[in-house]
Amino acid sequence: MFALIRLGIVAFIVLTILYVVISVWSRRTRRGKLEAEWDEEGMTGDRDLWIEEGLRDYDESLRRKLILGVYVIPILCVIAIIYVINIQ
């Protein structure tokens, strides 16, 4: 039982680090795309405000929420492995 608790704690720490890295990378990628779109279209006005609005839309998007799969998918895989092993 103690090994399972220790596995859970280590997995949570590793998955949290992975989640943070993927979130930062995804947000930077989106910011880069917004900056490139601004430059390509030659828009006028406040560039920083436009980029912040685009990032706010990104924060509410489905893609941002799908990153939470970093927690869900490995946990479901471990549960499935434990279930299959115990059935045999």
PDB file of N, CA and C in Angstrom:
ATOM      1  N   MET A   1       0.817  -1.192   0.000  1.00  0.00           N
ATOM      2  CA  MET A   1       0.000   0.000   0.000  1.00  0.00           C
ATOM      3  C   MET A   1       0.861   1.257   0.000  1.00  0.00           C
ATOM      4  N   PHE A   2       1.950   1.220   0.778  1.00  0.00           N
ATOM      5  CA  PHE A   2       2.837   2.372   0.839  1.00  0.00           C
ATOM      6  C   PHE A   2       3.478   2.644  -0.524  1.00  0.00           C
ATOM      7  N   ALA A   3       3.786   1.572  -1.267  1.00  0.00           N
ATOM      8  CA  ALA A   3       4.382   1.735  -2.596  1.00  0.00           C
ATOM      9  C   ALA A   3       3.415   2.432  -3.544  1.00  0.00           C
ATOM     10  N   LEU A   4       2.132   2.115  -3.434  1.00  0.00           N
ATOM     11  CA  LEU A   4       1.131   2.754  -4.284  1.00  0.00           C
ATOM     12  C   LEU A   4       0.998   4.239  -3.967  1.00  0.00           C
ATOM     13  N   ILE A   5       1.041   4.570  -2.695  1.00  0.00           N
ATOM     14  CA  ILE A   5       0.980   5.987  -2.304  1.00  0.00           C
ATOM     15  C   ILE A   5       2.214   6.729  -2.795  1.00  0.00           C
ATOM     16  N   ARG A   6       3.374   6.114  -2.650  1.00  0.00           N
ATOM     17  CA  ARG A   6       4.609   6.734  -3.124  1.00  0.00           C
ATOM     18  C   ARG A   6       4.584   6.917  -4.640  1.00  0.00           C
ATOM     19  N   LEU A   7       4.072   5.906  -5.367  1.00  0.00           N
ATOM     20  CA  LEU A   7       3.934   6.017  -6.823  1.00  0.00           C
ATOM     21  C   LEU A   7       3.011   7.175  -7.184  1.00  0.00           C
ATOM     22  N   GLY A   8       1.909   7.299  -6.457  1.00  0.00           N
ATOM     23  CA  GLY A   8       0.962   8.378  -6.727  1.00  0.00           C
ATOM     24  C   GLY A   8       1.575   9.752  -6.514  1.00  0.00           C
ATOM     25  N   ILE A   9       2.353   9.904  -5.467  1.00  0.00           N
ATOM     26  CA  ILE A   9       2.983  11.201  -5.185  1.00  0.00           C
ATOM     27  C   ILE A   9       4.013  11.541  -6.252  1.00  0.00           C
ATOM     28  N   VAL A  10       4.857  10.574  -6.594  1.00  0.00           N
ATOM     29  CA  VAL A  10       5.878  10.816  -7.621  1.00  0.00           C
ATOM     30  C   VAL A  10       5.220  11.098  -8.969  1.00  0.00           C
ATOM     31  N   ALA A  11       4.192  10.320  -9.310  1.00  0.00           N
ATOM     32  CA  ALA A  11       3.495  10.534 -10.578  1.00  0.00           C
ATOM     33  C   ALA A  11       2.854  11.922 -10.627  1.00  0.00           C
ATOM     34  N   PHE A  12       2.253  12.345  -9.522  1.00  0.00           N
ATOM     35  CA  PHE A  12       1.629  13.665  -9.473  1.00  0.00           C
ATOM     36  C   PHE A  12       2.666  14.769  -9.697  1.00  0.00           C
ATOM     37  N   ILE A  13       3.819  14.641  -9.085  1.00  0.00           N
ATOM     38  CA  ILE A  13       4.880  15.644  -9.246  1.00  0.00           C
ATOM     39  C   ILE A  13       5.366  15.676 -10.689  1.00  0.00           C
ATOM     40  N   VAL A  14       5.625  14.501 -11.264  1.00  0.00           N
ATOM     41  CA  VAL A  14       6.118  14.433 -12.649  1.00  0.00           C
ATOM     42  C   VAL A  14       5.063  14.961 -13.618  1.00  0.00           C
ATOM     43  N   LEU A  15       3.816  14.584 -13.429  1.00  0.00           N
ATOM     44  CA  LEU A  15       2.751  15.051 -14.320  1.00  0.00           C
ATOM     45  C   LEU A  15       2.520  16.552 -14.186  1.00  0.00           C
ATOM     46  N   THR A  16       2.690  17.094 -12.993  1.00  0.00           N
ATOM     47  CA  THR A  16       2.551  18.536 -12.807  1.00  0.00           C
ATOM     48  C   THR A  16       3.648  19.288 -13.545  1.00  0.00           C
ATOM     49  N   ILE A  17       4.866  18.791 -13.452  1.00  0.00           N
ATOM     50  CA  ILE A  17       5.972  19.418 -14.182  1.00  0.00           C
ATOM     51  C   ILE A  17       5.707  19.351 -15.683  1.00  0.00           C
ATOM     52  N   LEU A  18       5.270  18.199 -16.165  1.00  0.00           N
ATOM     53  CA  LEU A  18       4.953  18.042 -17.584  1.00  0.00           C
ATOM     54  C   LEU A  18       3.824  18.978 -18.007  1.00  0.00           C
ATOM     55  N   TYR A  19       2.797  19.106 -17.177  1.00  0.00           N
ATOM     56  CA  TYR A  19       1.683  20.000 -17.473  1.00  0.00           C
ATOM     57  C   TYR A  19       2.143  21.450 -17.599  1.00  0.00           C
ATOM     58  N   VAL A  20       2.987  21.889 -16.677  1.00  0.00           N
ATOM     59  CA  VAL A  20       3.480  23.269 -16.700  1.00  0.00           C
ATOM     60  C   VAL A  20       4.304  23.511 -17.959  1.00  0.00           C
ATOM     61  N   VAL A  21       5.172  22.572 -18.297  1.00  0.00           N
ATOM     62  CA  VAL A  21       6.012  22.726 -19.490  1.00  0.00           C
ATOM     63  C   VAL A  21       5.149  22.797 -20.746  1.00  0.00           C
ATOM     64  N   ILE A  22       4.189  21.894 -20.877  1.00  0.00           N
ATOM     65  CA  ILE A  22       3.320  21.900 -22.061  1.00  0.00           C
ATOM     66  C   ILE A  22       2.479  23.172 -22.113  1.00  0.00           C
ATOM     67  N   SER A  23       1.986  23.633 -20.985  1.00  0.00           N
ATOM     68  CA  SER A  23       1.173  24.855 -20.956  1.00  0.00           C
ATOM     69  C   SER A  23       1.975  26.074 -21.392  1.00  0.00           C
ATOM     70  N   VAL A  24       3.187  26.197 -20.869  1.00  0.00           N
ATOM     71  CA  VAL A  24       4.040  27.338 -21.234  1.00  0.00           C
ATOM     72  C   VAL A  24       4.394  27.274 -22.709  1.00  0.00           C
ATOM     73  N   TRP A  25       4.750  26.085 -23.186  1.00  0.00           N
ATOM     74  CA  TRP A  25       5.110  25.933 -24.594  1.00  0.00           C
ATOM     75  C   TRP A  25       3.931  26.273 -25.502  1.00  0.00           C
ATOM     76  N   SER A  26       2.741  25.781 -25.157  1.00  0.00           N
ATOM     77  CA  SER A  26       1.555  26.023 -25.973  1.00  0.00           C
ATOM     78  C   SER A  26       1.194  27.503 -25.999  1.00  0.00           C
ATOM     79  N   ARG A  27       1.285  28.167 -24.859  1.00  0.00           N
ATOM     80  CA  ARG A  27       0.960  29.597 -24.791  1.00  0.00           C
ATOM     81  C   ARG A  27       1.964  30.424 -25.597  1.00  0.00           C
ATOM     82  N   ARG A  28       3.242  30.070 -25.497  1.00  0.00           N
ATOM     83  CA  ARG A  28       4.250  30.794 -26.289  1.00  0.00           C
ATOM     84  C   ARG A  28       4.037  30.593 -27.783  1.00  0.00           C
ATOM     85  N   THR A  29       3.670  29.376 -28.161  1.00  0.00           N
ATOM     86  CA  THR A  29       3.398  29.099 -29.568  1.00  0.00           C
ATOM     87  C   THR A  29       2.222  29.939 -30.050  1.00  0.00           C
ATOM     88  N   ARG A  30       1.169  30.010 -29.259  1.00  0.00           N
ATOM     89  CA  ARG A  30      -0.006  30.803 -29.636  1.00  0.00           C
ATOM     90  C   ARG A  30       0.349  32.284 -29.735  1.00  0.00           C
ATOM     91  N   ARG A  31       1.149  32.773 -28.787  1.00  0.00           N
ATOM     92  CA  ARG A  31       1.574  34.173 -28.828  1.00  0.00           C
ATOM     93  C   ARG A  31       2.367  34.448 -30.113  1.00  0.00           C
ATOM     94  N   GLY A  32       3.252  33.534 -30.469  1.00  0.00           N
ATOM     95  CA  GLY A  32       4.035  33.691 -31.696  1.00  0.00           C
ATOM     96  C   GLY A  32       3.152  33.730 -32.931  1.00  0.00           C
ATOM     97  N   LYS A  33       2.117  32.886 -32.954  1.00  0.00           N
ATOM     98  CA  LYS A  33       1.201  32.890 -34.094  1.00  0.00           C
ATOM     99  C   LYS A  33       0.412  34.197 -34.167  1.00  0.00           C
ATOM    100  N   LEU A  34       0.009  34.706 -33.007  1.00  0.00           N
ATOM    101  CA  LEU A  34      -0.717  35.980 -32.997  1.00  0.00           C
ATOM    102  C   LEU A  34       0.179  37.129 -33.469  1.00  0.00           C
ATOM    103  N   GLU A  35       1.431  37.123 -33.025  1.00  0.00           N
ATOM    104  CA  GLU A  35       2.365  38.160 -33.466  1.00  0.00           C
ATOM    105  C   GLU A  35       2.615  38.067 -34.968  1.00  0.00           C
ATOM    106  N   ALA A  36       2.760  36.851 -35.478  1.00  0.00           N
ATOM    107  CA  ALA A  36       2.976  36.666 -36.917  1.00  0.00           C
ATOM    108  C   ALA A  36       1.745  37.115 -37.706  1.00  0.00           C
ATOM    109  N   GLU A  37       0.558  36.827 -37.205  1.00  0.00           N
ATOM    110  CA  GLU A  37      -0.675  37.245 -37.874  1.00  0.00           C
ATOM    111  C   GLU A  37      -0.767  38.771 -37.915  1.00  0.00           C
ATOM    112  N   TRP A  38      -0.400  39.424 -36.828  1.00  0.00           N
ATOM    113  CA  TRP A  38      -0.418  40.886 -36.778  1.00  0.00           C
ATOM    114  C   TRP A  38       0.537  41.464 -37.825  1.00  0.00           C
ATOM    115  N   ASP A  39       1.735  40.904 -37.895  1.00  0.00           N
ATOM    116  CA  ASP A  39       2.737  41.405 -38.831  1.00  0.00           C
ATOM    117  C   ASP A  39       2.350  41.138 -40.287  1.00  0.00           C
ATOM    118  N   GLU A  40       1.789  39.961 -40.567  1.00  0.00           N
ATOM    119  CA  GLU A  40       1.418  39.614 -41.943  1.00  0.00           C
ATOM    120  C   GLU A  40       0.286  40.485 -42.462  1.00  0.00           C
ATOM    121  N   GLU A  41      -0.694  40.749 -41.630  1.00  0.00           N
ATOM    122  CA  GLU A  41      -1.870  41.493 -42.079  1.00  0.00           C
ATOM    123  C   GLU A  41      -1.678  42.999 -41.985  1.00  0.00           C
ATOM    124  N   GLY A  42      -0.595  43.451 -41.385  1.00  0.00           N
ATOM    125  CA  GLY A  42      -0.329  44.879 -41.285  1.00  0.00           C
ATOM    126  C   GLY A  42      -1.415  45.640 -40.549  1.00  0.00           C
ATOM    127  N   MET A  43      -1.883  45.088 -39.458  1.00  0.00           N
ATOM    128  CA  MET A  43      -2.961  45.718 -38.694  1.00  0.00           C
ATOM    129  C   MET A  43      -2.472  47.010 -38.035  1.00  0.00           C
ATOM    130  N   THR A  44      -3.432  47.853 -37.698  1.00  0.00           N
ATOM    131  CA  THR A  44      -3.105  49.081 -36.995  1.00  0.00           C
ATOM    132  C   THR A  44      -3.780  49.060 -35.630  1.00  0.00           C
ATOM    133  N   GLY A  45      -3.288  49.843 -34.731  1.00  0.00           N
ATOM    134  CA  GLY A  45      -3.860  49.906 -33.394  1.00  0.00           C
ATOM    135  C   GLY A  45      -2.861  49.416 -32.358  1.00  0.00           C
ATOM    136  N   ASP A  46      -3.381  49.024 -31.229  1.00  0.00           N
ATOM    137  CA  ASP A  46      -2.546  48.571 -30.121  1.00  0.00           C
ATOM    138  C   ASP A  46      -2.258  47.075 -30.267  1.00  0.00           C
ATOM    139  N   ARG A  47      -1.032  46.775 -30.650  1.00  0.00           N
ATOM    140  CA  ARG A  47      -0.630  45.386 -30.904  1.00  0.00           C
ATOM    141  C   ARG A  47      -0.687  44.545 -29.631  1.00  0.00           C
ATOM    142  N   ASP A  48      -0.174  45.068 -28.539  1.00  0.00           N
ATOM    143  CA  ASP A  48      -0.148  44.310 -27.284  1.00  0.00           C
ATOM    144  C   ASP A  48      -1.558  43.989 -26.792  1.00  0.00           C
ATOM    145  N   LEU A  49      -2.470  44.929 -26.927  1.00  0.00           N
ATOM    146  CA  LEU A  49      -3.853  44.697 -26.508  1.00  0.00           C
ATOM    147  C   LEU A  49      -4.485  43.602 -27.358  1.00  0.00           C
ATOM    148  N   TRP A  50      -4.231  43.632 -28.666  1.00  0.00           N
ATOM    149  CA  TRP A  50      -4.791  42.632 -29.565  1.00  0.00           C
ATOM    150  C   TRP A  50      -4.254  41.234 -29.233  1.00  0.00           C
ATOM    151  N   ILE A  51      -2.968  41.159 -28.934  1.00  0.00           N
ATOM    152  CA  ILE A  51      -2.358  39.877 -28.577  1.00  0.00           C
ATOM    153  C   ILE A  51      -2.916  39.373 -27.250  1.00  0.00           C
ATOM    154  N   GLU A  52      -3.082  40.255 -26.283  1.00  0.00           N
ATOM    155  CA  GLU A  52      -3.642  39.846 -24.986  1.00  0.00           C
ATOM    156  C   GLU A  52      -5.078  39.346 -25.135  1.00  0.00           C
ATOM    157  N   GLU A  53      -5.870  39.977 -26.003  1.00  0.00           N
ATOM    158  CA  GLU A  53      -7.230  39.506 -26.252  1.00  0.00           C
ATOM    159  C   GLU A  53      -7.210  38.125 -26.902  1.00  0.00           C
ATOM    160  N   GLY A  54      -6.278  37.925 -27.828  1.00  0.00           N
ATOM    161  CA  GLY A  54      -6.145  36.618 -28.461  1.00  0.00           C
ATOM    162  C   GLY A  54      -5.742  35.549 -27.467  1.00  0.00           C
ATOM    163  N   LEU A  55      -4.855  35.889 -26.538  1.00  0.00           N
ATOM    164  CA  LEU A  55      -4.443  34.932 -25.515  1.00  0.00           C
ATOM    165  C   LEU A  55      -5.574  34.665 -24.529  1.00  0.00           C
ATOM    166  N   ARG A  56      -6.407  35.660 -24.268  1.00  0.00           N
ATOM    167  CA  ARG A  56      -7.561  35.450 -23.401  1.00  0.00           C
ATOM    168  C   ARG A  56      -8.537  34.470 -24.056  1.00  0.00           C
ATOM    169  N   ASP A  57      -8.734  34.624 -25.367  1.00  0.00           N
ATOM    170  CA  ASP A  57      -9.578  33.670 -26.095  1.00  0.00           C
ATOM    171  C   ASP A  57      -8.958  32.272 -26.058  1.00  0.00           C
ATOM    172  N   TYR A  58      -7.649  32.204 -26.171  1.00  0.00           N
ATOM    173  CA  TYR A  58      -6.950  30.924 -26.121  1.00  0.00           C
ATOM    174  C   TYR A  58      -7.123  30.260 -24.759  1.00  0.00           C
ATOM    175  N   ASP A  59      -7.069  31.045 -23.686  1.00  0.00           N
ATOM    176  CA  ASP A  59      -7.215  30.490 -22.337  1.00  0.00           C
ATOM    177  C   ASP A  59      -8.584  29.835 -22.136  1.00  0.00           C
ATOM    178  N   GLU A  60      -9.591  30.291 -22.859  1.00  0.00           N
ATOM    179  CA  GLU A  60     -10.936  29.737 -22.746  1.00  0.00           C
ATOM    180  C   GLU A  60     -11.209  28.651 -23.780  1.00  0.00           C
ATOM    181  N   SER A  61     -10.235  28.343 -24.613  1.00  0.00           N
ATOM    182  CA  SER A  61     -10.451  27.411 -25.709  1.00  0.00           C
ATOM    183  C   SER A  61     -10.382  25.955 -25.253  1.00  0.00           C
ATOM    184  N   LEU A  62     -10.861  25.082 -26.116  1.00  0.00           N
ATOM    185  CA  LEU A  62     -10.838  23.649 -25.847  1.00  0.00           C
ATOM    186  C   LEU A  62      -9.407  23.130 -25.815  1.00  0.00           C
ATOM    187  N   ARG A  63      -8.554  23.659 -26.660  1.00  0.00           N
ATOM    188  CA  ARG A  63      -7.162  23.204 -26.716  1.00  0.00           C
ATOM    189  C   ARG A  63      -6.481  23.360 -25.357  1.00  0.00           C
ATOM    190  N   ARG A  64      -6.723  24.459 -24.714  1.00  0.00           N
ATOM    191  CA  ARG A  64      -6.140  24.711 -23.398  1.00  0.00           C
ATOM    192  C   ARG A  64      -6.634  23.681 -22.377  1.00  0.00           C
ATOM    193  N   LYS A  65      -7.903  23.340 -22.462  1.00  0.00           N
ATOM    194  CA  LYS A  65      -8.473  22.374 -21.525  1.00  0.00           C
ATOM    195  C   LYS A  65      -7.993  20.952 -21.822  1.00  0.00           C
ATOM    196  N   LEU A  66      -7.683  20.662 -23.071  1.00  0.00           N
ATOM    197  CA  LEU A  66      -7.210  19.322 -23.431  1.00  0.00           C
ATOM    198  C   LEU A  66      -5.837  19.015 -22.837  1.00  0.00           C
ATOM    199  N   ILE A  67      -5.091  20.049 -22.488  1.00  0.00           N
ATOM    200  CA  ILE A  67      -3.783  19.832 -21.877  1.00  0.00           C
ATOM    201  C   ILE A  67      -3.946  19.139 -20.526  1.00  0.00           C
ATOM    202  N   LEU A  68      -5.096  19.276 -19.899  1.00  0.00           N
ATOM    203  CA  LEU A  68      -5.351  18.574 -18.636  1.00  0.00           C
ATOM    204  C   LEU A  68      -5.342  17.055 -18.821  1.00  0.00           C
ATOM    205  N   GLY A  69      -5.392  16.608 -20.067  1.00  0.00           N
ATOM    206  CA  GLY A  69      -5.275  15.187 -20.357  1.00  0.00           C
ATOM    207  C   GLY A  69      -3.954  14.607 -19.894  1.00  0.00           C
ATOM    208  N   VAL A  70      -2.989  15.473 -19.630  1.00  0.00           N
ATOM    209  CA  VAL A  70      -1.702  15.028 -19.090  1.00  0.00           C
ATOM    210  C   VAL A  70      -1.922  14.310 -17.765  1.00  0.00           C
ATOM    211  N   TYR A  71      -2.924  14.728 -17.015  1.00  0.00           N
ATOM    212  CA  TYR A  71      -3.233  14.060 -15.755  1.00  0.00           C
ATOM    213  C   TYR A  71      -4.134  12.843 -15.971  1.00  0.00           C
ATOM    214  N   VAL A  72      -5.110  12.974 -16.827  1.00  0.00           N
ATOM    215  CA  VAL A  72      -6.154  11.965 -16.954  1.00  0.00           C
ATOM    216  C   VAL A  72      -5.660  10.699 -17.653  1.00  0.00           C
ATOM    217  N   ILE A  73      -4.983  10.834 -18.781  1.00  0.00           N
ATOM    218  CA  ILE A  73      -4.595   9.677 -19.582  1.00  0.00           C
ATOM    219  C   ILE A  73      -3.654   8.729 -18.835  1.00  0.00           C
ATOM    220  N   PRO A  74      -2.576   9.193 -18.206  1.00  0.00           N
ATOM    221  CA  PRO A  74      -1.722   8.244 -17.474  1.00  0.00           C
ATOM    222  C   PRO A  74      -2.438   7.554 -16.309  1.00  0.00           C
ATOM    223  N   ILE A  75      -3.303   8.275 -15.614  1.00  0.00           N
ATOM    224  CA  ILE A  75      -4.036   7.670 -14.506  1.00  0.00           C
ATOM    225  C   ILE A  75      -4.966   6.574 -15.020  1.00  0.00           C
ATOM    226  N   LEU A  76      -5.648   6.834 -16.137  1.00  0.00           N
ATOM    227  CA  LEU A  76      -6.525   5.819 -16.715  1.00  0.00           C
ATOM    228  C   LEU A  76      -5.731   4.608 -17.193  1.00  0.00           C
ATOM    229  N   CYS A  77      -4.544   4.841 -17.731  1.00  0.00           N
ATOM    230  CA  CYS A  77      -3.697   3.726 -18.175  1.00  0.00           C
ATOM    231  C   CYS A  77      -3.259   2.863 -16.995  1.00  0.00           C
ATOM    232  N   VAL A  78      -2.856   3.482 -15.905  1.00  0.00           N
ATOM    233  CA  VAL A  78      -2.450   2.720 -14.714  1.00  0.00           C
ATOM    234  C   VAL A  78      -3.632   1.935 -14.165  1.00  0.00           C
ATOM    235  N   ILE A  79      -4.801   2.549 -14.107  1.00  0.00           N
ATOM    236  CA  ILE A  79      -5.990   1.847 -13.624  1.00  0.00           C
ATOM    237  C   ILE A  79      -6.310   0.659 -14.526  1.00  0.00           C
ATOM    238  N   ALA A  80      -6.216   0.861 -15.845  1.00  0.00           N
ATOM    239  CA  ALA A  80      -6.488  -0.237 -16.776  1.00  0.00           C
ATOM    240  C   ALA A  80      -5.480  -1.373 -16.608  1.00  0.00           C
ATOM    241  N   ILE A  81      -4.213  -1.040 -16.434  1.00  0.00           N
ATOM    242  CA  ILE A  81      -3.185  -2.067 -16.237  1.00  0.00           C
ATOM    243  C   ILE A  81      -3.451  -2.840 -14.951  1.00  0.00           C
ATOM    244  N   ILE A  82      -3.765  -2.144 -13.876  1.00  0.00           N
ATOM    245  CA  ILE A  82      -4.059  -2.815 -12.604  1.00  0.00           C
ATOM    246  C   ILE A  82      -5.284  -3.720 -12.753  1.00  0.00           C
ATOM    247  N   TYR A  83      -6.299  -3.242 -13.441  1.00  0.00           N
ATOM    248  CA  TYR A  83      -7.513  -4.034 -13.657  1.00  0.00           C
ATOM    249  C   TYR A  83      -7.218  -5.293 -14.460  1.00  0.00           C
ATOM    250  N   VAL A  84      -6.489  -5.158 -15.557  1.00  0.00           N
ATOM    251  CA  VAL A  84      -6.175  -6.301 -16.412  1.00  0.00           C
ATOM    252  C   VAL A  84      -5.303  -7.315 -15.670  1.00  0.00           C
ATOM    253  N   ILE A  85      -4.332  -6.850 -14.931  1.00  0.00           N
ATOM    254  CA  ILE A  85      -3.462  -7.760 -14.187  1.00  0.00           C
ATOM    255  C   ILE A  85      -4.237  -8.514 -13.117  1.00  0.00           C
ATOM    256  N   ASN A  86      -5.163  -7.866 -12.444  1.00  0.00           N
ATOM    257  CA  ASN A  86      -5.921  -8.518 -11.383  1.00  0.00           C
ATOM    258  C   ASN A  86      -6.975  -9.495 -11.916  1.00  0.00           C
ATOM    259  N   ILE A  87      -7.422  -9.306 -13.142  1.00  0.00           N
ATOM    260  CA  ILE A  87      -8.404 -10.234 -13.729  1.00  0.00           C
ATOM    261  C   ILE A  87      -7.711 -11.558 -14.080  1.00  0.00           C
ATOM    262  N   GLN A  88      -6.494 -11.508 -14.524  1.00  0.00           N
ATOM    263  CA  GLN A  88      -5.789 -12.729 -14.940  1.00  0.00           C
ATOM    264  C   GLN A  88      -5.471 -13.504 -13.776  1.00  0.00           C
TER     265      GLN A  88
END
